[in-house]
C-alpha atoms as a PDB file:
ATOM      1  CA  MET A   1     263.500  77.803 115.485  1.00  0.00           C
ATOM      2  CA  THR A   2     262.993  81.419 114.203  1.00  0.00           C
ATOM      3  CA  ASN A   3     259.631  82.027 112.692  1.00  0.00           C
ATOM      4  CA  LEU A   4     259.863  83.368 109.102  1.00  0.00           C
ATOM      5  CA  LYS A   5     257.164  85.911 109.934  1.00  0.00           C
ATOM      6  CA  ASP A   6     259.501  87.399 112.600  1.00  0.00           C
ATOM      7  CA  GLN A   7     262.288  88.059 110.097  1.00  0.00           C
ATOM      8  CA  PRO A   8     262.137  91.354 108.246  1.00  0.00           C
ATOM      9  CA  LEU A   9     261.945  90.813 104.483  1.00  0.00           C
ATOM     10  CA  ILE A  10     264.136  93.836 103.777  1.00  0.00           C
ATOM     11  CA  ASP A  11     266.754  94.170 106.551  1.00  0.00           C
ATOM     12  CA  GLY A  12     269.616  96.765 106.831  1.00  0.00           C
ATOM     13  CA  PRO A  13     272.242  94.943 104.819  1.00  0.00           C
ATOM     14  CA  LEU A  14     269.819  94.114 101.903  1.00  0.00           C
ATOM     15  CA  LYS A  15     268.690  97.849 101.920  1.00  0.00           C
ATOM     16  CA  ARG A  16     272.322  98.946 101.425  1.00  0.00           C
ATOM     17  CA  GLU A  17     272.841  96.540  98.691  1.00  0.00           C
ATOM     18  CA  LEU A  18     269.755  97.538  96.781  1.00  0.00           C
ATOM     19  CA  SER A  19     270.395 101.160  97.442  1.00  0.00           C
ATOM     20  CA  ALA A  20     273.824 100.797  95.800  1.00  0.00           C
ATOM     21  CA  LEU A  21     272.145  99.268  92.634  1.00  0.00           C
ATOM     22  CA  TYR A  22     269.676 102.215  92.616  1.00  0.00           C
ATOM     23  CA  ARG A  23     272.558 104.778  92.802  1.00  0.00           C
ATOM     24  CA  ALA A  24     274.366 103.416  89.661  1.00  0.00           C
ATOM     25  CA  GLU A  25     275.398 105.681  86.959  1.00  0.00           C
ATOM     26  CA  GLY A  26     272.901 106.149  84.272  1.00  0.00           C
ATOM     27  CA  ARG A  27     269.824 105.851  86.508  1.00  0.00           C
ATOM     28  CA  HIS A  28     268.226 109.293  86.112  1.00  0.00           C
ATOM     29  CA  TYR A  29     264.774 108.306  87.058  1.00  0.00           C
ATOM     30  CA  HIS A  30     264.839 104.627  88.058  1.00  0.00           C
ATOM     31  CA  ASN A  31     266.906 105.593  91.040  1.00  0.00           C
ATOM     32  CA  LEU A  32     266.739 105.592  94.823  1.00  0.00           C
ATOM     33  CA  ARG A  33     264.558 108.731  94.768  1.00  0.00           C
ATOM     34  CA  HIS A  34     261.948 106.751  92.820  1.00  0.00           C
ATOM     35  CA  ILE A  35     262.077 103.996  95.543  1.00  0.00           C
ATOM     36  CA  GLU A  36     261.898 106.534  98.313  1.00  0.00           C
ATOM     37  CA  ALA A  37     258.754 108.138  96.672  1.00  0.00           C
ATOM     38  CA  MET A  38     256.964 104.889  96.401  1.00  0.00           C
ATOM     39  CA  LEU A  39     258.082 103.920  99.976  1.00  0.00           C
ATOM     40  CA  ALA A  40     256.466 107.178 101.278  1.00  0.00           C
ATOM     41  CA  LEU A  41     253.259 106.397  99.373  1.00  0.00           C
ATOM     42  CA  ALA A  42     253.293 102.913 100.939  1.00  0.00           C
ATOM     43  CA  ASP A  43     253.434 104.589 104.304  1.00  0.00           C
ATOM     44  CA  ASP A  44     250.616 106.857 103.346  1.00  0.00           C
ATOM     45  CA  TYR A  45     248.363 103.943 102.492  1.00  0.00           C
ATOM     46  CA  ARG A  46     249.779 101.486 104.938  1.00  0.00           C
ATOM     47  CA  ALA A  47     246.425 101.008 106.688  1.00  0.00           C
ATOM     48  CA  SER A  48     244.848  99.886 103.281  1.00  0.00           C
ATOM     49  CA  LEU A  49     247.599  97.207 102.573  1.00  0.00           C
ATOM     50  CA  HIS A  50     246.921  93.698 103.666  1.00  0.00           C
ATOM     51  CA  ASP A  51     250.642  92.843 103.558  1.00  0.00           C
ATOM     52  CA  PRO A  52     252.586  96.003 103.729  1.00  0.00           C
ATOM     53  CA  GLU A  53     256.039  94.359 104.156  1.00  0.00           C
ATOM     54  CA  ALA A  54     255.440  92.284 100.888  1.00  0.00           C
ATOM     55  CA  VAL A  55     254.515  95.575  99.059  1.00  0.00           C
ATOM     56  CA  GLU A  56     257.593  97.287 100.391  1.00  0.00           C
ATOM     57  CA  ALA A  57     259.617  94.206  99.208  1.00  0.00           C
ATOM     58  CA  ALA A  58     258.084  94.615  95.806  1.00  0.00           C
ATOM     59  CA  ILE A  59     258.946  98.253  95.727  1.00  0.00           C
ATOM     60  CA  TRP A  60     262.629  97.745  96.808  1.00  0.00           C
ATOM     61  CA  PHE A  61     263.171  95.043  94.052  1.00  0.00           C
ATOM     62  CA  HIS A  62     260.916  96.001  91.144  1.00  0.00           C
ATOM     63  CA  ASP A  63     263.749  98.151  89.461  1.00  0.00           C
ATOM     64  CA  ALA A  64     266.628  96.488  90.996  1.00  0.00           C
ATOM     65  CA  ILE A  65     267.767  95.362  87.561  1.00  0.00           C
ATOM     66  CA  TYR A  66     267.596  98.142  85.024  1.00  0.00           C
ATOM     67  CA  ASP A  67     269.088  98.455  81.589  1.00  0.00           C
ATOM     68  CA  SER A  68     267.198 100.774  79.125  1.00  0.00           C
ATOM     69  CA  LYS A  69     268.496  98.638  76.395  1.00  0.00           C
ATOM     70  CA  ALA A  70     267.084  95.454  77.823  1.00  0.00           C
ATOM     71  CA  LYS A  71     263.555  93.825  77.416  1.00  0.00           C
ATOM     72  CA  ASP A  72     263.768  91.673  80.367  1.00  0.00           C
ATOM     73  CA  ASN A  73     264.228  93.973  83.401  1.00  0.00           C
ATOM     74  CA  GLU A  74     261.111  92.883  85.171  1.00  0.00           C
ATOM     75  CA  PRO A  75     261.782  89.163  84.934  1.00  0.00           C
ATOM     76  CA  GLN A  76     265.332  89.779  85.878  1.00  0.00           C
ATOM     77  CA  SER A  77     264.182  91.879  88.904  1.00  0.00           C
ATOM     78  CA  ALA A  78     261.711  89.287  89.899  1.00  0.00           C
ATOM     79  CA  ALA A  79     264.438  86.583  89.810  1.00  0.00           C
ATOM     80  CA  PHE A  80     266.739  88.809  91.890  1.00  0.00           C
ATOM     81  CA  ALA A  81     264.035  89.254  94.513  1.00  0.00           C
ATOM     82  CA  GLU A  82     263.378  85.414  94.614  1.00  0.00           C
ATOM     83  CA  LYS A  83     267.014  84.769  95.156  1.00  0.00           C
ATOM     84  CA  ASN A  84     267.539  87.387  97.891  1.00  0.00           C
ATOM     85  CA  LEU A  85     264.264  86.699  99.755  1.00  0.00           C
ATOM     86  CA  ALA A  86     264.513  82.853  99.692  1.00  0.00           C
ATOM     87  CA  GLY A  87     264.575  81.708 103.195  1.00  0.00           C
ATOM     88  CA  ARG A  88     263.097  85.027 104.510  1.00  0.00           C
ATOM     89  CA  THR A  89     259.497  84.143 103.829  1.00  0.00           C
ATOM     90  CA  ASP A  90     257.315  81.329 102.614  1.00  0.00           C
ATOM     91  CA  ALA A  91     256.897  80.315  98.918  1.00  0.00           C
ATOM     92  CA  GLU A  92     253.366  81.627  98.414  1.00  0.00           C
ATOM     93  CA  ARG A  93     254.263  85.208  99.698  1.00  0.00           C
ATOM     94  CA  LEU A  94     257.343  85.135  97.549  1.00  0.00           C
ATOM     95  CA  SER A  95     255.391  84.370  94.569  1.00  0.00           C
ATOM     96  CA  ARG A  96     253.041  87.241  95.243  1.00  0.00           C
ATOM     97  CA  ILE A  97     255.975  89.565  95.420  1.00  0.00           C
ATOM     98  CA  SER A  98     257.487  88.272  92.345  1.00  0.00           C
ATOM     99  CA  ALA A  99     254.090  88.667  90.504  1.00  0.00           C
ATOM    100  CA  MET A 100     253.805  92.129  91.570  1.00  0.00           C
ATOM    101  CA  ILE A 101     257.343  92.990  90.048  1.00  0.00           C
ATOM    102  CA  LEU A 102     256.567  91.213  86.844  1.00  0.00           C
ATOM    103  CA  ALA A 103     253.243  93.205  86.564  1.00  0.00           C
ATOM    104  CA  THR A 104     255.189  96.552  86.404  1.00  0.00           C
ATOM    105  CA  SER A 105     256.089  95.603  82.647  1.00  0.00           C
ATOM    106  CA  THR A 106     252.526  96.106  81.613  1.00  0.00           C
ATOM    107  CA  HIS A 107     250.845  97.671  84.837  1.00  0.00           C
ATOM    108  CA  GLN A 108     247.961  95.152  84.315  1.00  0.00           C
ATOM    109  CA  LEU A 109     246.947  93.425  87.542  1.00  0.00           C
ATOM    110  CA  PRO A 110     248.290  89.880  88.346  1.00  0.00           C
ATOM    111  CA  SER A 111     245.883  87.089  88.065  1.00  0.00           C
ATOM    112  CA  PHE A 112     245.492  86.548  91.835  1.00  0.00           C
ATOM    113  CA  ASP A 113     242.557  84.714  93.331  1.00  0.00           C
ATOM    114  CA  ASP A 114     242.745  86.445  96.731  1.00  0.00           C
ATOM    115  CA  ALA A 115     240.901  89.830  96.911  1.00  0.00           C
ATOM    116  CA  ALA A 116     243.513  91.059  99.542  1.00  0.00           C
ATOM    117  CA  ALA A 117     246.458  90.269  97.272  1.00  0.00           C
ATOM    118  CA  ILE A 118     244.801  92.052  94.309  1.00  0.00           C
ATOM    119  CA  ARG A 119     244.141  95.095  96.410  1.00  0.00           C
ATOM    120  CA  ASP A 120     247.836  95.150  97.474  1.00  0.00           C
ATOM    121  CA  ALA A 121     248.993  94.764  93.877  1.00  0.00           C
ATOM    122  CA  SER A 122     246.557  97.589  92.673  1.00  0.00           C
ATOM    123  CA  LEU A 123     248.122  99.987  95.231  1.00  0.00           C
ATOM    124  CA  PHE A 124     251.524  98.869  94.397  1.00  0.00           C
ATOM    125  CA  LEU A 125     251.235  99.551  90.693  1.00  0.00           C
ATOM    126  CA  ASP A 126     249.343 102.783  91.349  1.00  0.00           C
ATOM    127  CA  MET A 127     252.229 103.969  93.468  1.00  0.00           C
ATOM    128  CA  ASP A 128     254.763 103.039  90.607  1.00  0.00           C
ATOM    129  CA  LEU A 129     252.637 105.330  88.193  1.00  0.00           C
ATOM    130  CA  SER A 130     251.931 108.114  90.641  1.00  0.00           C
ATOM    131  CA  ILE A 131     254.592 110.223  88.983  1.00  0.00           C
ATOM    132  CA  LEU A 132     252.222 110.592  86.030  1.00  0.00           C
ATOM    133  CA  GLY A 133     249.894 112.561  88.182  1.00  0.00           C
ATOM    134  CA  ALA A 134     252.701 114.868  89.723  1.00  0.00           C
ATOM    135  CA  ALA A 135     252.679 118.555  89.585  1.00  0.00           C
ATOM    136  CA  PRO A 136     253.561 119.692  86.073  1.00  0.00           C
ATOM    137  CA  ALA A 137     257.116 120.809  86.897  1.00  0.00           C
ATOM    138  CA  THR A 138     257.791 117.350  88.628  1.00  0.00           C
ATOM    139  CA  PHE A 139     256.295 115.490  85.807  1.00  0.00           C
ATOM    140  CA  ASP A 140     258.363 117.299  83.262  1.00  0.00           C
ATOM    141  CA  ALA A 141     261.497 116.629  85.227  1.00  0.00           C
ATOM    142  CA  TYR A 142     260.533 112.910  85.126  1.00  0.00           C
ATOM    143  CA  GLU A 143     260.098 113.010  81.350  1.00  0.00           C
ATOM    144  CA  ARG A 144     263.576 114.617  80.961  1.00  0.00           C
ATOM    145  CA  ALA A 145     265.053 112.032  83.289  1.00  0.00           C
ATOM    146  CA  VAL A 146     263.527 109.075  81.330  1.00  0.00           C
ATOM    147  CA  ARG A 147     264.955 110.701  78.094  1.00  0.00           C
ATOM    148  CA  LEU A 148     268.391 110.806  79.680  1.00  0.00           C
ATOM    149  CA  GLU A 149     268.094 107.042  80.295  1.00  0.00           C
ATOM    150  CA  TYR A 150     267.383 106.535  76.745  1.00  0.00           C
ATOM    151  CA  ALA A 151     269.961 109.039  75.496  1.00  0.00           C
ATOM    152  CA  TRP A 152     271.139 106.169  73.038  1.00  0.00           C
ATOM    153  CA  VAL A 153     267.814 106.379  71.146  1.00  0.00           C
ATOM    154  CA  GLU A 154     267.687 108.686  68.112  1.00  0.00           C
ATOM    155  CA  GLU A 155     265.352 111.755  68.510  1.00  0.00           C
ATOM    156  CA  ALA A 156     262.747 110.804  65.945  1.00  0.00           C
ATOM    157  CA  MET A 157     262.599 107.187  67.182  1.00  0.00           C
ATOM    158  CA  TRP A 158     262.272 108.423  70.823  1.00  0.00           C
ATOM    159  CA  ARG A 159     259.441 110.787  70.031  1.00  0.00           C
ATOM    160  CA  ALA A 160     257.520 108.082  68.181  1.00  0.00           C
ATOM    161  CA  GLY A 161     258.093 105.461  70.913  1.00  0.00           C
ATOM    162  CA  ARG A 162     257.469 107.530  73.920  1.00  0.00           C
ATOM    163  CA  SER A 163     254.292 109.128  72.496  1.00  0.00           C
ATOM    164  CA  ALA A 164     253.026 105.673  71.686  1.00  0.00           C
ATOM    165  CA  VAL A 165     253.695 104.449  75.290  1.00  0.00           C
ATOM    166  CA  LEU A 166     251.956 107.541  76.768  1.00  0.00           C
ATOM    167  CA  LYS A 167     249.043 107.136  74.431  1.00  0.00           C
ATOM    168  CA  THR A 168     248.352 103.599  75.817  1.00  0.00           C
ATOM    169  CA  PHE A 169     247.850 105.142  79.234  1.00  0.00           C
ATOM    170  CA  LEU A 170     245.683 107.845  77.960  1.00  0.00           C
ATOM    171  CA  ALA A 171     243.428 105.331  76.037  1.00  0.00           C
ATOM    172  CA  ARG A 172     242.758 103.381  79.210  1.00  0.00           C
ATOM    173  CA  ASP A 173     239.331 103.949  80.914  1.00  0.00           C
ATOM    174  CA  HIS A 174     241.375 104.595  84.109  1.00  0.00           C
ATOM    175  CA  ILE A 175     245.185 105.056  84.284  1.00  0.00           C
ATOM    176  CA  PHE A 176     245.000 104.006  88.128  1.00  0.00           C
ATOM    177  CA  HIS A 177     243.462 100.897  89.526  1.00  0.00           C
ATOM    178  CA  THR A 178     242.337 102.216  92.894  1.00  0.00           C
ATOM    179  CA  ASP A 179     239.690 104.793  93.662  1.00  0.00           C
ATOM    180  CA  GLU A 180     242.095 106.578  96.065  1.00  0.00           C
ATOM    181  CA  PHE A 181     244.717 106.997  93.226  1.00  0.00           C
ATOM    182  CA  ARG A 182     242.205 108.029  90.698  1.00  0.00           C
ATOM    183  CA  ARG A 183     240.872 110.848  92.871  1.00  0.00           C
ATOM    184  CA  ARG A 184     244.330 111.944  93.895  1.00  0.00           C
ATOM    185  CA  PHE A 185     246.263 111.587  90.568  1.00  0.00           C
ATOM    186  CA  GLU A 186     244.137 110.819  87.622  1.00  0.00           C
ATOM    187  CA  PRO A 187     243.006 114.329  86.530  1.00  0.00           C
ATOM    188  CA  GLN A 188     246.540 115.723  86.694  1.00  0.00           C
ATOM    189  CA  ALA A 189     247.996 112.570  85.029  1.00  0.00           C
ATOM    190  CA  ARG A 190     245.713 112.937  82.021  1.00  0.00           C
ATOM    191  CA  GLN A 191     246.699 116.534  81.685  1.00  0.00           C
ATOM    192  CA  ASN A 192     250.365 115.853  81.936  1.00  0.00           C
ATOM    193  CA  ILE A 193     250.282 113.039  79.484  1.00  0.00           C
ATOM    194  CA  ALA A 194     248.294 114.965  76.875  1.00  0.00           C
ATOM    195  CA  ARG A 195     250.599 117.883  77.165  1.00  0.00           C
ATOM    196  CA  SER A 196     253.654 115.582  76.757  1.00  0.00           C
ATOM    197  CA  ILE A 197     252.240 113.726  73.711  1.00  0.00           C
ATOM    198  CA  GLU A 198     251.600 117.160  72.025  1.00  0.00           C
ATOM    199  CA  ALA A 199     255.240 118.288  72.734  1.00  0.00           C
ATOM    200  CA  LEU A 200     256.492 115.098  71.370  1.00  0.00           C
ATOM    201  CA  THR A 201     254.479 115.007  68.192  1.00  0.00           C
ATOM    202  CA  THR A 202     254.528 118.806  67.293  1.00  0.00           C
ATOM    203  CA  GLU A 203     257.920 120.136  68.009  1.00  0.00           C
END
């Protein structure tokens, strides 16, 4: 009998299926480039990950279901992951992957008991938010792309809602969970967010 550990969580056919979802029309930021950027970071920090394959699976699935008008993208994406990964790994590992995906709705850490799982989730969530600490031009392109995804929202409402979201990050003691990402991205992230809030509230 084949050991579940010997089977890849994300094989070629599943990558192609997920890639097609991320290439869908209307995905200006939550697209394949976002996934590839996170996978590159996962590779950078692979030695720090306890279960790099599980983190990579969470990356692939975390925005698989995305509709800017919906309020349940994360639960839908987690359920999609559980359906597609069933039989490829054990229930405990699948539960961890699902919890990481669900955590992207608030970017608060899941309530894991295991320190290794918390570490993996911390790095995963930080990878997802790394765009906040990108170079100013890259961050500005990200902001424009997110606005396009919410093109249906009236401008005044967008400005109020987006600035409120950004202010929640700025109000945190730390935007990022890990020391590595705080050193690498936090100072620039705070500058980018403050600049974006100013533009949203004064123009």
